[in-house]
């Protein structure tokens, strides 16, 4: 198996695991900060740029689709974008 295939498989599994954890998280802690924190975990310690912060704010207003498209446009993977935007409005 090629190394790139293995890495892709591991990253997919990690994304699914983190997405499941975010889905099961209590709603009391879900807000813009939770959305930004999920993205920053993907960036492995890097600080989220303003475009990510704005997309998470849009998610807070309840526009899930626009939040996801804003995060993916900022370079965030689709799996992380969906789970991060899911926690923003709750």
N, C-alpha and C. Protein backbone atom coordinates (compact mmCIF):
# COMPACT_ATOMS: atom_id res chain seq x y z
N UNK A 1 0.85 -1.17 0.00
CA UNK A 1 0.00 0.00 0.00
C UNK A 1 0.90 1.24 0.00
N UNK A 2 0.54 2.19 -0.82
CA UNK A 2 1.35 3.40 -0.91
C UNK A 2 1.21 4.24 0.35
N UNK A 3 2.26 4.93 0.68
CA UNK A 3 2.29 5.76 1.88
C UNK A 3 1.20 6.82 1.85
N UNK A 4 0.98 7.45 0.69
CA UNK A 4 -0.05 8.49 0.60
C UNK A 4 -1.45 7.92 0.86
N UNK A 5 -1.68 6.68 0.44
CA UNK A 5 -2.97 6.03 0.69
C UNK A 5 -3.16 5.77 2.18
N UNK A 6 -2.10 5.34 2.83
CA UNK A 6 -2.18 5.10 4.28
C UNK A 6 -2.45 6.39 5.04
N UNK A 7 -1.74 7.44 4.66
CA UNK A 7 -1.92 8.73 5.34
C UNK A 7 -3.34 9.23 5.14
N UNK A 8 -3.85 9.10 3.92
CA UNK A 8 -5.23 9.54 3.65
C UNK A 8 -6.22 8.74 4.49
N UNK A 9 -5.98 7.44 4.64
CA UNK A 9 -6.86 6.61 5.45
C UNK A 9 -6.84 7.00 6.92
N UNK A 10 -5.65 7.27 7.42
CA UNK A 10 -5.51 7.67 8.83
C UNK A 10 -6.18 9.02 9.06
N UNK A 11 -5.97 9.96 8.16
CA UNK A 11 -6.59 11.28 8.31
C UNK A 11 -8.11 11.21 8.21
N UNK A 12 -8.61 10.35 7.34
CA UNK A 12 -10.06 10.17 7.24
C UNK A 12 -10.63 9.61 8.53
N UNK A 13 -9.96 8.60 9.08
CA UNK A 13 -10.41 8.01 10.35
C UNK A 13 -10.38 9.02 11.47
N UNK A 14 -9.33 9.82 11.52
CA UNK A 14 -9.21 10.85 12.55
C UNK A 14 -10.32 11.89 12.42
N UNK A 15 -10.59 12.29 11.19
CA UNK A 15 -11.67 13.26 10.96
C UNK A 15 -13.01 12.72 11.41
N UNK A 16 -13.27 11.47 11.08
CA UNK A 16 -14.54 10.86 11.50
C UNK A 16 -14.63 10.74 13.01
N UNK A 17 -13.51 10.39 13.65
CA UNK A 17 -13.52 10.26 15.11
C UNK A 17 -13.75 11.62 15.77
N UNK A 18 -13.07 12.64 15.28
CA UNK A 18 -13.24 13.97 15.87
C UNK A 18 -14.64 14.52 15.58
N UNK A 19 -15.14 14.24 14.40
CA UNK A 19 -16.49 14.69 14.06
C UNK A 19 -17.53 14.05 14.96
N UNK A 20 -17.35 12.77 15.26
CA UNK A 20 -18.27 12.07 16.17
C UNK A 20 -18.19 12.63 17.57
N UNK A 21 -16.98 12.96 18.01
CA UNK A 21 -16.82 13.54 19.34
C UNK A 21 -17.48 14.91 19.42
N UNK A 22 -17.36 15.67 18.35
CA UNK A 22 -17.98 17.00 18.33
C UNK A 22 -19.50 16.89 18.33
N UNK A 23 -20.01 15.90 17.63
CA UNK A 23 -21.45 15.71 17.57
C UNK A 23 -22.02 15.33 18.92
N UNK A 24 -21.25 14.57 19.69
CA UNK A 24 -21.72 14.10 21.00
C UNK A 24 -21.44 15.11 22.11
N UNK A 25 -20.73 16.17 21.82
CA UNK A 25 -20.38 17.15 22.85
C UNK A 25 -21.64 17.85 23.36
N UNK A 26 -21.65 18.24 24.61
CA UNK A 26 -22.82 18.93 25.15
C UNK A 26 -23.04 20.28 24.50
N UNK A 27 -24.28 20.62 24.25
CA UNK A 27 -24.61 21.86 23.57
C UNK A 27 -24.24 23.10 24.38
N UNK A 28 -24.11 22.98 25.67
CA UNK A 28 -23.81 24.14 26.50
C UNK A 28 -22.46 24.76 26.16
N UNK A 29 -21.56 23.97 25.59
CA UNK A 29 -20.24 24.49 25.28
C UNK A 29 -20.08 24.83 23.80
N UNK A 30 -21.14 24.73 23.04
CA UNK A 30 -21.07 24.97 21.61
C UNK A 30 -21.29 26.44 21.31
N UNK A 31 -20.33 27.05 20.63
CA UNK A 31 -20.43 28.44 20.25
C UNK A 31 -19.36 28.74 19.21
N UNK A 32 -19.15 30.00 18.90
CA UNK A 32 -18.14 30.38 17.91
C UNK A 32 -16.76 29.88 18.34
N UNK A 33 -16.44 29.97 19.61
CA UNK A 33 -15.14 29.53 20.10
C UNK A 33 -14.95 28.04 19.88
N UNK A 34 -15.99 27.25 20.08
CA UNK A 34 -15.90 25.81 19.86
C UNK A 34 -15.64 25.53 18.38
N UNK A 35 -16.28 26.25 17.52
CA UNK A 35 -16.08 26.11 16.08
C UNK A 35 -14.63 26.43 15.72
N UNK A 36 -14.13 27.54 16.21
CA UNK A 36 -12.75 27.96 15.93
C UNK A 36 -11.76 26.95 16.50
N UNK A 37 -12.02 26.46 17.71
CA UNK A 37 -11.11 25.49 18.33
C UNK A 37 -11.02 24.20 17.51
N UNK A 38 -12.12 23.74 16.95
CA UNK A 38 -12.07 22.54 16.12
C UNK A 38 -11.19 22.75 14.90
N UNK A 39 -11.32 23.91 14.29
CA UNK A 39 -10.49 24.21 13.12
C UNK A 39 -9.02 24.31 13.52
N UNK A 40 -8.74 24.95 14.65
CA UNK A 40 -7.36 25.10 15.09
C UNK A 40 -6.73 23.74 15.41
N UNK A 41 -7.52 22.79 15.89
CA UNK A 41 -6.98 21.43 16.12
C UNK A 41 -6.53 20.82 14.81
N UNK A 42 -7.29 21.06 13.75
CA UNK A 42 -6.88 20.54 12.43
C UNK A 42 -5.60 21.23 11.98
N UNK A 43 -5.47 22.51 12.30
CA UNK A 43 -4.27 23.25 11.91
C UNK A 43 -3.08 22.88 12.78
N UNK A 44 -3.28 21.99 13.72
CA UNK A 44 -2.25 21.47 14.63
C UNK A 44 -1.53 22.60 15.37
N UNK A 45 -2.32 23.38 16.07
CA UNK A 45 -1.75 24.42 16.92
C UNK A 45 -1.67 25.79 16.28
N UNK A 46 -1.91 25.85 14.98
CA UNK A 46 -1.88 27.14 14.31
C UNK A 46 -3.12 27.95 14.66
N UNK A 47 -2.97 29.25 14.64
CA UNK A 47 -4.11 30.11 14.95
C UNK A 47 -4.99 30.27 13.72
N UNK A 48 -6.28 30.21 13.92
CA UNK A 48 -7.23 30.32 12.81
C UNK A 48 -7.20 31.73 12.23
N UNK A 49 -7.15 31.84 10.90
CA UNK A 49 -7.17 33.17 10.27
C UNK A 49 -8.55 33.82 10.40
N UNK A 50 -8.63 35.09 10.06
CA UNK A 50 -9.88 35.83 10.17
C UNK A 50 -10.99 35.22 9.32
N UNK A 51 -10.65 34.62 8.18
CA UNK A 51 -11.68 34.01 7.33
C UNK A 51 -12.38 32.86 8.05
N UNK A 52 -11.63 32.12 8.88
CA UNK A 52 -12.21 31.03 9.67
C UNK A 52 -13.11 31.61 10.75
N UNK A 53 -12.65 32.63 11.42
CA UNK A 53 -13.45 33.26 12.48
C UNK A 53 -14.76 33.80 11.93
N UNK A 54 -14.70 34.40 10.74
CA UNK A 54 -15.92 34.95 10.12
C UNK A 54 -16.87 33.82 9.73
N UNK A 55 -16.35 32.73 9.17
CA UNK A 55 -17.21 31.61 8.79
C UNK A 55 -17.88 31.01 10.03
N UNK A 56 -17.14 30.90 11.13
CA UNK A 56 -17.73 30.37 12.37
C UNK A 56 -18.80 31.32 12.90
N UNK A 57 -18.60 32.61 12.76
CA UNK A 57 -19.62 33.57 13.19
C UNK A 57 -20.89 33.40 12.35
N UNK A 58 -20.71 33.19 11.05
CA UNK A 58 -21.86 32.95 10.17
C UNK A 58 -22.59 31.70 10.63
N UNK A 59 -21.85 30.69 11.05
CA UNK A 59 -22.46 29.48 11.58
C UNK A 59 -23.28 29.75 12.83
N UNK A 60 -22.83 30.70 13.63
CA UNK A 60 -23.55 31.07 14.84
C UNK A 60 -24.94 31.61 14.52
N UNK A 61 -25.06 32.26 13.38
CA UNK A 61 -26.35 32.81 12.97
C UNK A 61 -27.30 31.73 12.47
N UNK A 62 -26.78 30.50 12.30
CA UNK A 62 -27.62 29.39 11.88
C UNK A 62 -27.49 29.04 10.41
N UNK A 63 -26.66 29.76 9.67
CA UNK A 63 -26.48 29.47 8.24
C UNK A 63 -25.38 28.42 8.08
N UNK A 64 -25.75 27.17 8.32
CA UNK A 64 -24.80 26.06 8.31
C UNK A 64 -24.09 25.92 6.96
N UNK A 65 -24.84 26.01 5.89
CA UNK A 65 -24.28 25.83 4.55
C UNK A 65 -23.21 26.89 4.24
N UNK A 66 -23.49 28.14 4.57
CA UNK A 66 -22.53 29.22 4.33
C UNK A 66 -21.30 29.08 5.22
N UNK A 67 -21.50 28.61 6.44
CA UNK A 67 -20.39 28.37 7.36
C UNK A 67 -19.45 27.32 6.77
N UNK A 68 -20.01 26.21 6.32
CA UNK A 68 -19.19 25.13 5.75
C UNK A 68 -18.45 25.62 4.51
N UNK A 69 -19.13 26.33 3.62
CA UNK A 69 -18.46 26.78 2.40
C UNK A 69 -17.37 27.81 2.74
N UNK A 70 -17.59 28.64 3.75
CA UNK A 70 -16.56 29.60 4.16
C UNK A 70 -15.33 28.92 4.73
N UNK A 71 -15.54 27.87 5.52
CA UNK A 71 -14.40 27.15 6.09
C UNK A 71 -13.65 26.37 5.03
N UNK A 72 -14.36 25.72 4.12
CA UNK A 72 -13.67 24.96 3.07
C UNK A 72 -12.91 25.90 2.14
N UNK A 73 -13.46 27.09 1.89
CA UNK A 73 -12.75 28.08 1.08
C UNK A 73 -11.47 28.55 1.78
N UNK A 74 -11.46 28.48 3.11
CA UNK A 74 -10.28 28.88 3.88
C UNK A 74 -9.27 27.74 3.99
N UNK A 75 -9.58 26.58 3.37
CA UNK A 75 -8.64 25.48 3.36
C UNK A 75 -8.87 24.41 4.41
N UNK A 76 -9.99 24.48 5.10
CA UNK A 76 -10.33 23.49 6.12
C UNK A 76 -10.98 22.30 5.42
N UNK A 77 -10.67 21.08 5.87
CA UNK A 77 -11.26 19.90 5.24
C UNK A 77 -12.78 19.91 5.43
N UNK A 78 -13.47 19.23 4.54
CA UNK A 78 -14.93 19.21 4.59
C UNK A 78 -15.44 18.59 5.89
N UNK A 79 -14.83 17.50 6.34
CA UNK A 79 -15.28 16.84 7.57
C UNK A 79 -15.18 17.75 8.78
N UNK A 80 -14.06 18.45 8.89
CA UNK A 80 -13.89 19.38 10.01
C UNK A 80 -14.83 20.57 9.87
N UNK A 81 -15.03 21.05 8.64
CA UNK A 81 -15.93 22.18 8.42
C UNK A 81 -17.35 21.85 8.87
N UNK A 82 -17.81 20.68 8.49
CA UNK A 82 -19.18 20.27 8.85
C UNK A 82 -19.33 20.17 10.36
N UNK A 83 -18.37 19.51 11.02
CA UNK A 83 -18.51 19.33 12.47
C UNK A 83 -18.31 20.65 13.21
N UNK A 84 -17.42 21.50 12.74
CA UNK A 84 -17.20 22.80 13.40
C UNK A 84 -18.43 23.68 13.26
N UNK A 85 -19.02 23.70 12.08
CA UNK A 85 -20.21 24.52 11.87
C UNK A 85 -21.41 23.97 12.61
N UNK A 86 -21.43 22.70 12.87
CA UNK A 86 -22.53 22.08 13.61
C UNK A 86 -22.57 22.60 15.05
N UNK A 87 -21.42 22.85 15.65
CA UNK A 87 -21.40 23.29 17.04
C UNK A 87 -21.56 24.80 17.21
N UNK A 88 -21.39 25.55 16.14
CA UNK A 88 -21.44 27.01 16.26
C UNK A 88 -22.79 27.55 16.74
N UNK A 89 -23.93 27.13 16.19
CA UNK A 89 -25.19 27.77 16.57
C UNK A 89 -25.83 27.25 17.85
N UNK A 90 -25.30 26.21 18.45
CA UNK A 90 -26.00 25.59 19.59
C UNK A 90 -25.66 26.26 20.90
